[in-house]
Amino acid sequence: MTDEWRGWQEAAQAALYGDGGFYRSPEGPAGHFRTSVHASPLFAAAVARLLAGTARELGTDRVDLVDLGAGRGELLTGVLAALPGIAPAGLAVRAYAVEIAARPPGLDPRIEWCAEPPQGVRGLLFANEWLDNVPTPVTETDADGVDRYVLVRTVDGTERLGAPVTGADAEWLRRWWPSAGPGSRAEIGRPRDEAWARAVATLSEGLAVAVDYAHVREARPPFGTLTGFRAGREVRPVPDGSCDLTSHVALDACAAAGARGGTEPEVVDQREALRGLGVSGERPPLALASTDPAAYVRALASAGEAAELTARGGLGDFEWLMQRVGATSLSSPSGV
């Protein structure tokens, strides 16, 4: 990294994905923060149910599963392990892990590792905490009410205001994130809209799902949400490759960008989505403790993991954007 001033999008792109970038580190995302995938195998089992439901709605016994931003393949590994107890016998799954890092050693050979999502897939495309790591320009409204790009010094994260926002970025702000006045900030989500539209376009038929912390136009945070994470702790965002750089997603804008074929995107919170896929934080009946103590302990542990995945103020606040492509008869698999 050099001691130079850049826009946040360019600086974050290099810090996260460039040579020596954060997402190329050998420990992967799991070495720095805990996602739903890492919190419990119940999450992968829920995705397995969603995949099986998608195959059923498509009327096929051969289905594709694409994991965008696959980390080190943890989600796909969990889904493939869960499927035998969930999917009907004979369901053939072709699994793709889309990730810039090298394929990790020992990964299930059934998982195809690729740098870009495959085209023309038929099935489920799943992007868990992917959009929040698509870098965006950051803007701030100056004392005269002019929206300006925020420049950052890569070596230490010091900021200053740059040129006024113009063109497509200015149009995006007007439509999706109007200024709250001098000193307010925004993250221009146009690169994420475009990334999501490209991802959805890779499906020939099926369901695309993006899961992320999010906000909508009526409730944008007045000072943005850009932050950093390192070794499990939130840290000051510095684009030097030493930490994750993330901000919440303007998911309503992504939904509009990804809409295809007249089907309306759906957005539900993770609490509702996972409950529709059989993940409940309800405690097992106490009577089970006396009739089958081992089963009670297992059920209690499972309920605790489910509670973490669906907790308000935590993982349960993630939003699920679901976009159906192709057959208009596709309904919400497994109740989602």
C-alpha atoms as a PDB file:
ATOM      1  CA  MET A   1       0.000   0.000   0.000  1.00  0.00           C
ATOM      2  CA  THR A   2       1.212   3.517  -0.749  1.00  0.00           C
ATOM      3  CA  ASP A   3       0.683   6.810   1.014  1.00  0.00           C
ATOM      4  CA  GLU A   4      -1.748   8.205  -1.546  1.00  0.00           C
ATOM      5  CA  TRP A   5      -5.283   9.561  -1.679  1.00  0.00           C
ATOM      6  CA  ARG A   6      -7.960   7.492  -3.428  1.00  0.00           C
ATOM      7  CA  GLY A   7     -11.711   7.259  -3.534  1.00  0.00           C
ATOM      8  CA  TRP A   8     -13.034   4.668  -1.117  1.00  0.00           C
ATOM      9  CA  GLN A   9     -14.189   2.315  -3.876  1.00  0.00           C
ATOM     10  CA  GLU A  10     -10.767   2.121  -5.499  1.00  0.00           C
ATOM     11  CA  ALA A  11      -8.963   1.922  -2.154  1.00  0.00           C
ATOM     12  CA  ALA A  12     -11.213  -0.831  -0.792  1.00  0.00           C
ATOM     13  CA  GLN A  13     -11.004  -2.836  -4.014  1.00  0.00           C
ATOM     14  CA  ALA A  14      -7.218  -2.964  -3.727  1.00  0.00           C
ATOM     15  CA  ALA A  15      -7.245  -3.574   0.032  1.00  0.00           C
ATOM     16  CA  LEU A  16      -9.711  -6.458  -0.144  1.00  0.00           C
ATOM     17  CA  TYR A  17      -8.992  -8.125  -3.484  1.00  0.00           C
ATOM     18  CA  GLY A  18      -5.639  -6.902  -4.780  1.00  0.00           C
ATOM     19  CA  ASP A  19      -2.326  -8.699  -4.420  1.00  0.00           C
ATOM     20  CA  GLY A  20      -1.910  -9.372  -0.718  1.00  0.00           C
ATOM     21  CA  GLY A  21      -5.477  -8.183  -0.085  1.00  0.00           C
ATOM     22  CA  PHE A  22      -7.537  -9.176   2.931  1.00  0.00           C
ATOM     23  CA  TYR A  23      -9.637 -11.780   1.096  1.00  0.00           C
ATOM     24  CA  ARG A  24      -6.558 -13.512  -0.280  1.00  0.00           C
ATOM     25  CA  SER A  25      -5.211 -14.306   3.200  1.00  0.00           C
ATOM     26  CA  PRO A  26      -4.834 -18.032   3.990  1.00  0.00           C
ATOM     27  CA  GLU A  27      -7.102 -17.974   7.048  1.00  0.00           C
ATOM     28  CA  GLY A  28     -10.046 -16.639   5.046  1.00  0.00           C
ATOM     29  CA  PRO A  29     -13.033 -14.714   6.438  1.00  0.00           C
ATOM     30  CA  ALA A  30     -13.589 -17.271   9.213  1.00  0.00           C
ATOM     31  CA  GLY A  31     -10.314 -16.176  10.750  1.00  0.00           C
ATOM     32  CA  HIS A  32     -11.718 -12.707  11.414  1.00  0.00           C
ATOM     33  CA  PHE A  33     -15.486 -12.791  11.855  1.00  0.00           C
ATOM     34  CA  ARG A  34     -18.369 -15.144  12.481  1.00  0.00           C
ATOM     35  CA  THR A  35     -21.108 -15.448   9.875  1.00  0.00           C
ATOM     36  CA  SER A  36     -24.281 -17.510   9.990  1.00  0.00           C
ATOM     37  CA  VAL A  37     -22.404 -20.234   8.119  1.00  0.00           C
ATOM     38  CA  HIS A  38     -19.850 -20.508  10.907  1.00  0.00           C
ATOM     39  CA  ALA A  39     -22.392 -20.118  13.731  1.00  0.00           C
ATOM     40  CA  SER A  40     -24.233 -23.387  13.168  1.00  0.00           C
ATOM     41  CA  PRO A  41     -24.675 -26.270  10.708  1.00  0.00           C
ATOM     42  CA  LEU A  42     -28.396 -25.472  10.937  1.00  0.00           C
ATOM     43  CA  PHE A  43     -27.796 -22.642   8.458  1.00  0.00           C
ATOM     44  CA  ALA A  44     -26.352 -24.979   5.825  1.00  0.00           C
ATOM     45  CA  ALA A  45     -29.216 -27.412   6.456  1.00  0.00           C
ATOM     46  CA  ALA A  46     -31.694 -24.586   5.826  1.00  0.00           C
ATOM     47  CA  VAL A  47     -29.961 -23.763   2.531  1.00  0.00           C
ATOM     48  CA  ALA A  48     -30.102 -27.466   1.664  1.00  0.00           C
ATOM     49  CA  ARG A  49     -33.880 -27.380   2.194  1.00  0.00           C
ATOM     50  CA  LEU A  50     -34.087 -24.287   0.025  1.00  0.00           C
ATOM     51  CA  LEU A  51     -32.104 -26.050  -2.710  1.00  0.00           C
ATOM     52  CA  ALA A  52     -34.283 -29.155  -2.524  1.00  0.00           C
ATOM     53  CA  GLY A  53     -37.398 -26.987  -2.641  1.00  0.00           C
ATOM     54  CA  THR A  54     -36.076 -25.105  -5.646  1.00  0.00           C
ATOM     55  CA  ALA A  55     -35.379 -28.382  -7.471  1.00  0.00           C
ATOM     56  CA  ARG A  56     -38.883 -29.553  -6.662  1.00  0.00           C
ATOM     57  CA  GLU A  57     -40.431 -26.334  -7.966  1.00  0.00           C
ATOM     58  CA  LEU A  58     -38.333 -26.627 -11.136  1.00  0.00           C
ATOM     59  CA  GLY A  59     -39.432 -30.233 -11.572  1.00  0.00           C
ATOM     60  CA  THR A  60     -35.871 -31.528 -11.897  1.00  0.00           C
ATOM     61  CA  ASP A  61     -33.615 -34.127 -10.301  1.00  0.00           C
ATOM     62  CA  ARG A  62     -30.470 -32.249 -11.427  1.00  0.00           C
ATOM     63  CA  VAL A  63     -29.903 -28.857  -9.828  1.00  0.00           C
ATOM     64  CA  ASP A  64     -27.071 -26.312  -9.627  1.00  0.00           C
ATOM     65  CA  LEU A  65     -25.946 -24.584  -6.433  1.00  0.00           C
ATOM     66  CA  VAL A  66     -23.723 -21.497  -6.711  1.00  0.00           C
ATOM     67  CA  ASP A  67     -22.177 -19.920  -3.604  1.00  0.00           C
ATOM     68  CA  LEU A  68     -21.003 -16.364  -4.327  1.00  0.00           C
ATOM     69  CA  GLY A  69     -18.196 -15.264  -2.047  1.00  0.00           C
ATOM     70  CA  ALA A  70     -17.640 -18.818  -0.876  1.00  0.00           C
ATOM     71  CA  GLY A  71     -14.896 -18.162   1.670  1.00  0.00           C
ATOM     72  CA  ARG A  72     -13.160 -21.488   2.002  1.00  0.00           C
ATOM     73  CA  GLY A  73     -16.171 -23.547   0.907  1.00  0.00           C
ATOM     74  CA  GLU A  74     -17.759 -23.888   4.355  1.00  0.00           C
ATOM     75  CA  LEU A  75     -21.363 -23.370   3.226  1.00  0.00           C
ATOM     76  CA  LEU A  76     -21.206 -25.756   0.278  1.00  0.00           C
ATOM     77  CA  THR A  77     -19.483 -28.379   2.422  1.00  0.00           C
ATOM     78  CA  GLY A  78     -22.292 -28.090   4.958  1.00  0.00           C
ATOM     79  CA  VAL A  79     -25.046 -28.202   2.343  1.00  0.00           C
ATOM     80  CA  LEU A  80     -23.648 -31.317   0.689  1.00  0.00           C
ATOM     81  CA  ALA A  81     -23.355 -32.996   4.096  1.00  0.00           C
ATOM     82  CA  ALA A  82     -26.944 -32.108   5.008  1.00  0.00           C
ATOM     83  CA  LEU A  83     -28.629 -33.048   1.722  1.00  0.00           C
ATOM     84  CA  PRO A  84     -28.850 -36.847   2.197  1.00  0.00           C
ATOM     85  CA  GLY A  85     -31.216 -36.358   5.136  1.00  0.00           C
ATOM     86  CA  ILE A  86     -33.230 -33.637   3.400  1.00  0.00           C
ATOM     87  CA  ALA A  87     -33.407 -34.080  -0.361  1.00  0.00           C
ATOM     88  CA  PRO A  88     -35.121 -36.966  -2.137  1.00  0.00           C
ATOM     89  CA  ALA A  89     -32.901 -39.843  -3.183  1.00  0.00           C
ATOM     90  CA  GLY A  90     -31.463 -39.329  -6.637  1.00  0.00           C
ATOM     91  CA  LEU A  91     -31.182 -35.539  -6.537  1.00  0.00           C
ATOM     92  CA  ALA A  92     -27.936 -34.672  -8.339  1.00  0.00           C
ATOM     93  CA  VAL A  93     -26.285 -31.415  -7.278  1.00  0.00           C
ATOM     94  CA  ARG A  94     -23.551 -29.565  -9.120  1.00  0.00           C
ATOM     95  CA  ALA A  95     -21.939 -27.196  -6.613  1.00  0.00           C
ATOM     96  CA  TYR A  96     -19.888 -24.130  -7.567  1.00  0.00           C
ATOM     97  CA  ALA A  97     -17.789 -22.081  -5.128  1.00  0.00           C
ATOM     98  CA  VAL A  98     -17.132 -18.590  -6.516  1.00  0.00           C
ATOM     99  CA  GLU A  99     -14.138 -17.033  -4.759  1.00  0.00           C
ATOM    100  CA  ILE A 100     -10.970 -15.109  -5.695  1.00  0.00           C
ATOM    101  CA  ALA A 101      -8.749 -16.999  -3.238  1.00  0.00           C
ATOM    102  CA  ALA A 102      -7.095 -20.274  -4.206  1.00  0.00           C
ATOM    103  CA  ARG A 103      -8.969 -23.526  -3.713  1.00  0.00           C
ATOM    104  CA  PRO A 104      -8.315 -24.742  -0.157  1.00  0.00           C
ATOM    105  CA  PRO A 105      -6.654 -28.142   0.267  1.00  0.00           C
ATOM    106  CA  GLY A 106      -8.890 -31.060   1.148  1.00  0.00           C
ATOM    107  CA  LEU A 107     -12.098 -29.502  -0.177  1.00  0.00           C
ATOM    108  CA  ASP A 108     -14.812 -31.933  -1.251  1.00  0.00           C
ATOM    109  CA  PRO A 109     -14.000 -32.831  -4.888  1.00  0.00           C
ATOM    110  CA  ARG A 110     -17.669 -32.446  -5.798  1.00  0.00           C
ATOM    111  CA  ILE A 111     -17.277 -28.669  -5.375  1.00  0.00           C
ATOM    112  CA  GLU A 112     -16.108 -26.807  -8.477  1.00  0.00           C
ATOM    113  CA  TRP A 113     -13.908 -23.816  -7.606  1.00  0.00           C
ATOM    114  CA  CYS A 114     -14.146 -20.782  -9.887  1.00  0.00           C
ATOM    115  CA  ALA A 115     -13.286 -17.082  -9.911  1.00  0.00           C
ATOM    116  CA  GLU A 116     -16.488 -16.051 -11.712  1.00  0.00           C
ATOM    117  CA  PRO A 117     -20.039 -17.408 -11.449  1.00  0.00           C
ATOM    118  CA  PRO A 118     -20.904 -19.932 -14.176  1.00  0.00           C
ATOM    119  CA  GLN A 119     -23.429 -18.902 -16.803  1.00  0.00           C
ATOM    120  CA  GLY A 120     -26.765 -20.513 -17.529  1.00  0.00           C
ATOM    121  CA  VAL A 121     -27.135 -22.392 -14.260  1.00  0.00           C
ATOM    122  CA  ARG A 122     -30.480 -23.831 -13.237  1.00  0.00           C
ATOM    123  CA  GLY A 123     -31.110 -23.937  -9.529  1.00  0.00           C
ATOM    124  CA  LEU A 124     -30.060 -21.818  -6.542  1.00  0.00           C
ATOM    125  CA  LEU A 125     -27.577 -18.950  -6.450  1.00  0.00           C
ATOM    126  CA  PHE A 126     -26.764 -17.984  -2.848  1.00  0.00           C
ATOM    127  CA  ALA A 127     -24.749 -14.928  -1.773  1.00  0.00           C
ATOM    128  CA  ASN A 128     -24.256 -14.810   1.987  1.00  0.00           C
ATOM    129  CA  GLU A 129     -22.546 -11.583   3.121  1.00  0.00           C
ATOM    130  CA  TRP A 130     -21.209 -10.971  -0.372  1.00  0.00           C
ATOM    131  CA  LEU A 131     -22.784  -7.676  -1.401  1.00  0.00           C
ATOM    132  CA  ASP A 132     -21.526  -5.837   1.689  1.00  0.00           C
ATOM    133  CA  ASN A 133     -17.977  -6.507   0.490  1.00  0.00           C
ATOM    134  CA  VAL A 134     -18.549  -5.084  -2.988  1.00  0.00           C
ATOM    135  CA  PRO A 135     -16.677  -1.755  -2.599  1.00  0.00           C
ATOM    136  CA  THR A 136     -18.628   1.462  -3.065  1.00  0.00           C
ATOM    137  CA  PRO A 137     -17.819   5.151  -3.366  1.00  0.00           C
ATOM    138  CA  VAL A 138     -18.359   7.049  -0.110  1.00  0.00           C
ATOM    139  CA  THR A 139     -19.746  10.586  -0.216  1.00  0.00           C
ATOM    140  CA  GLU A 140     -20.232  13.445   2.219  1.00  0.00           C
ATOM    141  CA  THR A 141     -22.322  16.589   1.901  1.00  0.00           C
ATOM    142  CA  ASP A 142     -20.192  19.690   2.400  1.00  0.00           C
ATOM    143  CA  ALA A 143     -21.150  22.915   4.214  1.00  0.00           C
ATOM    144  CA  ASP A 144     -22.663  24.309   0.988  1.00  0.00           C
ATOM    145  CA  GLY A 145     -24.896  21.278   0.500  1.00  0.00           C
ATOM    146  CA  VAL A 146     -22.783  19.752  -2.287  1.00  0.00           C
ATOM    147  CA  ASP A 147     -22.308  15.968  -2.281  1.00  0.00           C
ATOM    148  CA  ARG A 148     -18.599  15.192  -2.655  1.00  0.00           C
ATOM    149  CA  TYR A 149     -16.607  11.994  -2.905  1.00  0.00           C
ATOM    150  CA  VAL A 150     -14.658  11.105   0.221  1.00  0.00           C
ATOM    151  CA  LEU A 151     -10.973  10.423  -0.449  1.00  0.00           C
ATOM    152  CA  VAL A 152      -8.958   8.226   1.884  1.00  0.00           C
ATOM    153  CA  ARG A 153      -5.247   7.876   2.514  1.00  0.00           C
ATOM    154  CA  THR A 154      -4.482   4.202   2.160  1.00  0.00           C
ATOM    155  CA  VAL A 155      -1.717   4.066   4.730  1.00  0.00           C
ATOM    156  CA  ASP A 156      -3.740   5.273   7.739  1.00  0.00           C
ATOM    157  CA  GLY A 157      -7.395   5.836   6.755  1.00  0.00           C
ATOM    158  CA  THR A 158      -7.273   9.643   7.035  1.00  0.00           C
ATOM    159  CA  GLU A 159     -10.050  11.224   4.942  1.00  0.00           C
ATOM    160  CA  ARG A 160     -10.689  14.445   3.032  1.00  0.00           C
ATOM    161  CA  LEU A 161     -13.351  15.647   0.619  1.00  0.00           C
ATOM    162  CA  GLY A 162     -12.776  15.409  -3.116  1.00  0.00           C
ATOM    163  CA  ALA A 163     -14.675  16.346  -6.267  1.00  0.00           C
ATOM    164  CA  PRO A 164     -18.447  16.845  -6.434  1.00  0.00           C
ATOM    165  CA  VAL A 165     -20.526  13.769  -7.248  1.00  0.00           C
ATOM    166  CA  THR A 166     -21.845  13.870 -10.826  1.00  0.00           C
ATOM    167  CA  GLY A 167     -23.336  11.631 -13.503  1.00  0.00           C
ATOM    168  CA  ALA A 168     -24.748   8.198 -12.708  1.00  0.00           C
ATOM    169  CA  ASP A 169     -23.527   8.352  -9.103  1.00  0.00           C
ATOM    170  CA  ALA A 170     -25.412  11.608  -8.524  1.00  0.00           C
ATOM    171  CA  GLU A 171     -28.532  10.095 -10.082  1.00  0.00           C
ATOM    172  CA  TRP A 172     -28.221   7.085  -7.791  1.00  0.00           C
ATOM    173  CA  LEU A 173     -27.990   9.332  -4.716  1.00  0.00           C
ATOM    174  CA  ARG A 174     -31.037  11.331  -5.771  1.00  0.00           C
ATOM    175  CA  ARG A 175     -33.099   8.179  -6.247  1.00  0.00           C
ATOM    176  CA  TRP A 176     -31.871   5.989  -3.431  1.00  0.00           C
ATOM    177  CA  TRP A 177     -30.045   8.007  -0.767  1.00  0.00           C
ATOM    178  CA  PRO A 178     -30.877  11.741  -0.720  1.00  0.00           C
ATOM    179  CA  SER A 179     -28.614  13.843   1.484  1.00  0.00           C
ATOM    180  CA  ALA A 180     -29.629  14.432   5.098  1.00  0.00           C
ATOM    181  CA  GLY A 181     -27.788  17.755   5.064  1.00  0.00           C
ATOM    182  CA  PRO A 182     -24.243  19.068   5.562  1.00  0.00           C
ATOM    183  CA  GLY A 183     -21.967  16.525   7.225  1.00  0.00           C
ATOM    184  CA  SER A 184     -24.152  13.536   6.288  1.00  0.00           C
ATOM    185  CA  ARG A 185     -22.569  10.620   4.443  1.00  0.00           C
ATOM    186  CA  ALA A 186     -23.686   7.926   2.035  1.00  0.00           C
ATOM    187  CA  GLU A 187     -22.314   4.822   0.365  1.00  0.00           C
ATOM    188  CA  ILE A 188     -23.253   4.809  -3.317  1.00  0.00           C
ATOM    189  CA  GLY A 189     -24.632   1.332  -3.914  1.00  0.00           C
ATOM    190  CA  ARG A 190     -24.526   1.452  -7.713  1.00  0.00           C
ATOM    191  CA  PRO A 191     -21.591  -1.032  -7.945  1.00  0.00           C
ATOM    192  CA  ARG A 192     -23.579  -3.457  -5.792  1.00  0.00           C
ATOM    193  CA  ASP A 193     -26.700  -3.012  -7.906  1.00  0.00           C
ATOM    194  CA  GLU A 194     -24.673  -3.830 -10.995  1.00  0.00           C
ATOM    195  CA  ALA A 195     -22.950  -6.797  -9.336  1.00  0.00           C
ATOM    196  CA  TRP A 196     -26.273  -8.241  -8.209  1.00  0.00           C
ATOM    197  CA  ALA A 197     -27.866  -7.751 -11.636  1.00  0.00           C
ATOM    198  CA  ARG A 198     -24.927  -9.605 -13.229  1.00  0.00           C
ATOM    199  CA  ALA A 199     -25.243 -12.415 -10.679  1.00  0.00           C
ATOM    200  CA  VAL A 200     -28.977 -12.835 -11.266  1.00  0.00           C
ATOM    201  CA  ALA A 201     -28.358 -12.837 -15.023  1.00  0.00           C
ATOM    202  CA  THR A 202     -26.243 -16.004 -14.691  1.00  0.00           C
ATOM    203  CA  LEU A 203     -29.372 -17.983 -13.809  1.00  0.00           C
ATOM    204  CA  SER A 204     -31.340 -19.467 -16.656  1.00  0.00           C
ATOM    205  CA  GLU A 205     -34.020 -20.574 -14.210  1.00  0.00           C
ATOM    206  CA  GLY A 206     -34.247 -20.764 -10.452  1.00  0.00           C
ATOM    207  CA  LEU A 207     -33.775 -18.622  -7.378  1.00  0.00           C
ATOM    208  CA  ALA A 208     -31.148 -16.019  -6.474  1.00  0.00           C
ATOM    209  CA  VAL A 209     -30.737 -15.108  -2.800  1.00  0.00           C
ATOM    210  CA  ALA A 210     -28.613 -12.355  -1.236  1.00  0.00           C
ATOM    211  CA  VAL A 211     -28.270 -12.284   2.558  1.00  0.00           C
ATOM    212  CA  ASP A 212     -26.847  -9.184   4.250  1.00  0.00           C
ATOM    213  CA  TYR A 213     -27.285  -6.460   6.819  1.00  0.00           C
ATOM    214  CA  ALA A 214     -29.311  -3.870   4.942  1.00  0.00           C
ATOM    215  CA  HIS A 215     -31.335  -0.664   4.996  1.00  0.00           C
ATOM    216  CA  VAL A 216     -34.011   0.919   2.801  1.00  0.00           C
ATOM    217  CA  ARG A 217     -34.549   4.412   1.424  1.00  0.00           C
ATOM    218  CA  GLU A 218     -36.962   5.424   4.171  1.00  0.00           C
ATOM    219  CA  ALA A 219     -34.409   4.606   6.876  1.00  0.00           C
ATOM    220  CA  ARG A 220     -30.922   5.261   5.542  1.00  0.00           C
ATOM    221  CA  PRO A 221     -28.285   5.841   8.256  1.00  0.00           C
ATOM    222  CA  PRO A 222     -27.359   9.563   8.037  1.00  0.00           C
ATOM    223  CA  PHE A 223     -23.630   8.932   8.432  1.00  0.00           C
ATOM    224  CA  GLY A 224     -23.311   5.641   6.551  1.00  0.00           C
ATOM    225  CA  THR A 225     -22.126   2.324   7.983  1.00  0.00           C
ATOM    226  CA  LEU A 226     -18.581   1.872   6.642  1.00  0.00           C
ATOM    227  CA  THR A 227     -16.464  -0.015   9.178  1.00  0.00           C
ATOM    228  CA  GLY A 228     -13.659  -2.532   9.518  1.00  0.00           C
ATOM    229  CA  PHE A 229     -13.282  -5.943  11.171  1.00  0.00           C
ATOM    230  CA  ARG A 230     -10.157  -7.752  12.249  1.00  0.00           C
ATOM    231  CA  ALA A 231      -9.769 -10.866  14.425  1.00  0.00           C
ATOM    232  CA  GLY A 232     -13.380 -10.756  15.567  1.00  0.00           C
ATOM    233  CA  ARG A 233     -13.408  -7.084  16.531  1.00  0.00           C
ATOM    234  CA  GLU A 234     -14.800  -3.995  14.885  1.00  0.00           C
ATOM    235  CA  VAL A 235     -11.969  -1.607  14.008  1.00  0.00           C
ATOM    236  CA  ARG A 236     -11.504   1.735  12.280  1.00  0.00           C
ATOM    237  CA  PRO A 237     -11.675   1.193   8.511  1.00  0.00           C
ATOM    238  CA  VAL A 238      -8.214   1.558   6.986  1.00  0.00           C
ATOM    239  CA  PRO A 239      -7.730   0.347   3.377  1.00  0.00           C
ATOM    240  CA  ASP A 240      -4.286  -1.175   3.921  1.00  0.00           C
ATOM    241  CA  GLY A 241      -5.253  -4.844   3.513  1.00  0.00           C
ATOM    242  CA  SER A 242      -5.144  -5.594   7.242  1.00  0.00           C
ATOM    243  CA  CYS A 243      -8.899  -5.680   7.887  1.00  0.00           C
ATOM    244  CA  ASP A 244     -12.247  -6.386   6.301  1.00  0.00           C
ATOM    245  CA  LEU A 245     -14.030  -3.313   4.927  1.00  0.00           C
ATOM    246  CA  THR A 246     -17.792  -3.525   4.930  1.00  0.00           C
ATOM    247  CA  SER A 247     -20.957  -1.441   4.921  1.00  0.00           C
ATOM    248  CA  HIS A 248     -24.647  -2.290   5.033  1.00  0.00           C
ATOM    249  CA  VAL A 249     -26.425  -2.803   1.720  1.00  0.00           C
ATOM    250  CA  ALA A 250     -29.100  -0.624   0.125  1.00  0.00           C
ATOM    251  CA  LEU A 251     -31.015  -3.802  -0.610  1.00  0.00           C
ATOM    252  CA  ASP A 252     -34.052  -2.088  -2.113  1.00  0.00           C
ATOM    253  CA  ALA A 253     -31.819  -0.645  -4.824  1.00  0.00           C
ATOM    254  CA  CYS A 254     -30.278  -4.065  -5.477  1.00  0.00           C
ATOM    255  CA  ALA A 255     -33.741  -5.599  -5.700  1.00  0.00           C
ATOM    256  CA  ALA A 256     -34.775  -3.096  -8.357  1.00  0.00           C
ATOM    257  CA  ALA A 257     -31.569  -3.668 -10.324  1.00  0.00           C
ATOM    258  CA  GLY A 258     -31.882  -7.454 -10.264  1.00  0.00           C
ATOM    259  CA  ALA A 259     -35.573  -7.697 -11.173  1.00  0.00           C
ATOM    260  CA  ARG A 260     -36.078  -9.807 -14.290  1.00  0.00           C
ATOM    261  CA  GLY A 261     -39.012 -11.128 -16.240  1.00  0.00           C
ATOM    262  CA  GLY A 262     -41.664  -9.263 -14.299  1.00  0.00           C
ATOM    263  CA  THR A 263     -41.252 -11.291 -11.122  1.00  0.00           C
ATOM    264  CA  GLU A 264     -41.220  -9.127  -8.009  1.00  0.00           C
ATOM    265  CA  PRO A 265     -38.250  -9.585  -5.682  1.00  0.00           C
ATOM    266  CA  GLU A 266     -39.073 -10.502  -2.091  1.00  0.00           C
ATOM    267  CA  VAL A 267     -37.278  -9.289   1.032  1.00  0.00           C
ATOM    268  CA  VAL A 268     -37.717 -10.948   4.429  1.00  0.00           C
ATOM    269  CA  ASP A 269     -35.556 -10.913   7.521  1.00  0.00           C
ATOM    270  CA  GLN A 270     -33.455 -13.939   8.417  1.00  0.00           C
ATOM    271  CA  ARG A 271     -35.668 -14.724  11.384  1.00  0.00           C
ATOM    272  CA  GLU A 272     -38.657 -15.242   9.073  1.00  0.00           C
ATOM    273  CA  ALA A 273     -36.642 -16.925   6.303  1.00  0.00           C
ATOM    274  CA  LEU A 274     -35.067 -19.539   8.563  1.00  0.00           C
ATOM    275  CA  ARG A 275     -38.287 -20.296  10.390  1.00  0.00           C
ATOM    276  CA  GLY A 276     -39.830 -21.004   7.000  1.00  0.00           C
ATOM    277  CA  LEU A 277     -36.981 -23.444   6.419  1.00  0.00           C
ATOM    278  CA  GLY A 278     -37.455 -25.341   9.663  1.00  0.00           C
ATOM    279  CA  VAL A 279     -35.005 -23.511  11.950  1.00  0.00           C
ATOM    280  CA  SER A 280     -36.653 -22.694  15.266  1.00  0.00           C
ATOM    281  CA  GLY A 281     -35.180 -21.531  18.541  1.00  0.00           C
ATOM    282  CA  GLU A 282     -37.921 -23.151  20.604  1.00  0.00           C
ATOM    283  CA  ARG A 283     -36.680 -25.195  23.538  1.00  0.00           C
ATOM    284  CA  PRO A 284     -37.512 -28.927  23.563  1.00  0.00           C
ATOM    285  CA  PRO A 285     -40.223 -30.097  25.971  1.00  0.00           C
ATOM    286  CA  LEU A 286     -38.888 -30.681  29.457  1.00  0.00           C
ATOM    287  CA  ALA A 287     -40.516 -34.116  29.511  1.00  0.00           C
ATOM    288  CA  LEU A 288     -37.957 -35.263  26.956  1.00  0.00           C
ATOM    289  CA  ALA A 289     -35.232 -34.808  29.577  1.00  0.00           C
ATOM    290  CA  SER A 290     -36.623 -37.689  31.613  1.00  0.00           C
ATOM    291  CA  THR A 291     -37.590 -39.993  28.738  1.00  0.00           C
ATOM    292  CA  ASP A 292     -34.490 -39.473  26.571  1.00  0.00           C
ATOM    293  CA  PRO A 293     -31.843 -37.312  28.259  1.00  0.00           C
ATOM    294  CA  ALA A 294     -29.362 -37.542  25.365  1.00  0.00           C
ATOM    295  CA  ALA A 295     -31.972 -36.455  22.843  1.00  0.00           C
ATOM    296  CA  TYR A 296     -32.956 -33.594  25.139  1.00  0.00           C
ATOM    297  CA  VAL A 297     -29.366 -32.344  25.344  1.00  0.00           C
ATOM    298  CA  ARG A 298     -29.013 -32.514  21.560  1.00  0.00           C
ATOM    299  CA  ALA A 299     -32.297 -30.702  21.022  1.00  0.00           C
ATOM    300  CA  LEU A 300     -31.365 -28.056  23.580  1.00  0.00           C
ATOM    301  CA  ALA A 301     -28.043 -27.394  21.837  1.00  0.00           C
ATOM    302  CA  SER A 302     -29.802 -27.173  18.483  1.00  0.00           C
ATOM    303  CA  ALA A 303     -32.344 -24.721  19.905  1.00  0.00           C
ATOM    304  CA  GLY A 304     -29.515 -22.551  21.195  1.00  0.00           C
ATOM    305  CA  GLU A 305     -27.859 -22.458  17.782  1.00  0.00           C
ATOM    306  CA  ALA A 306     -31.186 -21.692  16.121  1.00  0.00           C
ATOM    307  CA  ALA A 307     -31.779 -18.873  18.591  1.00  0.00           C
ATOM    308  CA  GLU A 308     -28.438 -17.320  17.641  1.00  0.00           C
ATOM    309  CA  LEU A 309     -29.247 -17.514  13.938  1.00  0.00           C
ATOM    310  CA  THR A 310     -32.628 -15.828  14.424  1.00  0.00           C
ATOM    311  CA  ALA A 311     -31.863 -13.415  17.281  1.00  0.00           C
ATOM    312  CA  ARG A 312     -33.133  -9.858  17.038  1.00  0.00           C
ATOM    313  CA  GLY A 313     -30.264  -7.414  17.216  1.00  0.00           C
ATOM    314  CA  GLY A 314     -27.950 -10.085  15.790  1.00  0.00           C
ATOM    315  CA  LEU A 315     -27.943 -12.557  12.915  1.00  0.00           C
ATOM    316  CA  GLY A 316     -31.735 -12.584  12.766  1.00  0.00           C
ATOM    317  CA  ASP A 317     -31.638  -8.987  11.511  1.00  0.00           C
ATOM    318  CA  PHE A 318     -30.014  -9.974   8.235  1.00  0.00           C
ATOM    319  CA  GLU A 319     -32.282  -9.416   5.241  1.00  0.00           C
ATOM    320  CA  TRP A 320     -32.848 -12.053   2.561  1.00  0.00           C
ATOM    321  CA  LEU A 321     -33.420 -10.702  -0.959  1.00  0.00           C
ATOM    322  CA  MET A 322     -34.985 -13.436  -3.107  1.00  0.00           C
ATOM    323  CA  GLN A 323     -35.288 -13.085  -6.877  1.00  0.00           C
ATOM    324  CA  ARG A 324     -36.930 -15.746  -8.993  1.00  0.00           C
ATOM    325  CA  VAL A 325     -35.896 -16.261 -12.597  1.00  0.00           C
ATOM    326  CA  GLY A 326     -37.581 -18.199 -15.368  1.00  0.00           C
ATOM    327  CA  ALA A 327     -40.670 -20.272 -14.624  1.00  0.00           C
ATOM    328  CA  THR A 328     -43.393 -17.938 -13.389  1.00  0.00           C
ATOM    329  CA  SER A 329     -44.877 -20.821 -11.406  1.00  0.00           C
ATOM    330  CA  LEU A 330     -41.944 -20.788  -8.976  1.00  0.00           C
ATOM    331  CA  SER A 331     -43.264 -20.143  -5.494  1.00  0.00           C
ATOM    332  CA  SER A 332     -41.426 -19.728  -2.218  1.00  0.00           C
ATOM    333  CA  PRO A 333     -39.717 -23.077  -1.542  1.00  0.00           C
ATOM    334  CA  SER A 334     -40.433 -24.634   1.834  1.00  0.00           C
ATOM    335  CA  GLY A 335     -42.612 -21.744   2.905  1.00  0.00           C
ATOM    336  CA  VAL A 336     -40.049 -18.940   2.481  1.00  0.00           C
END
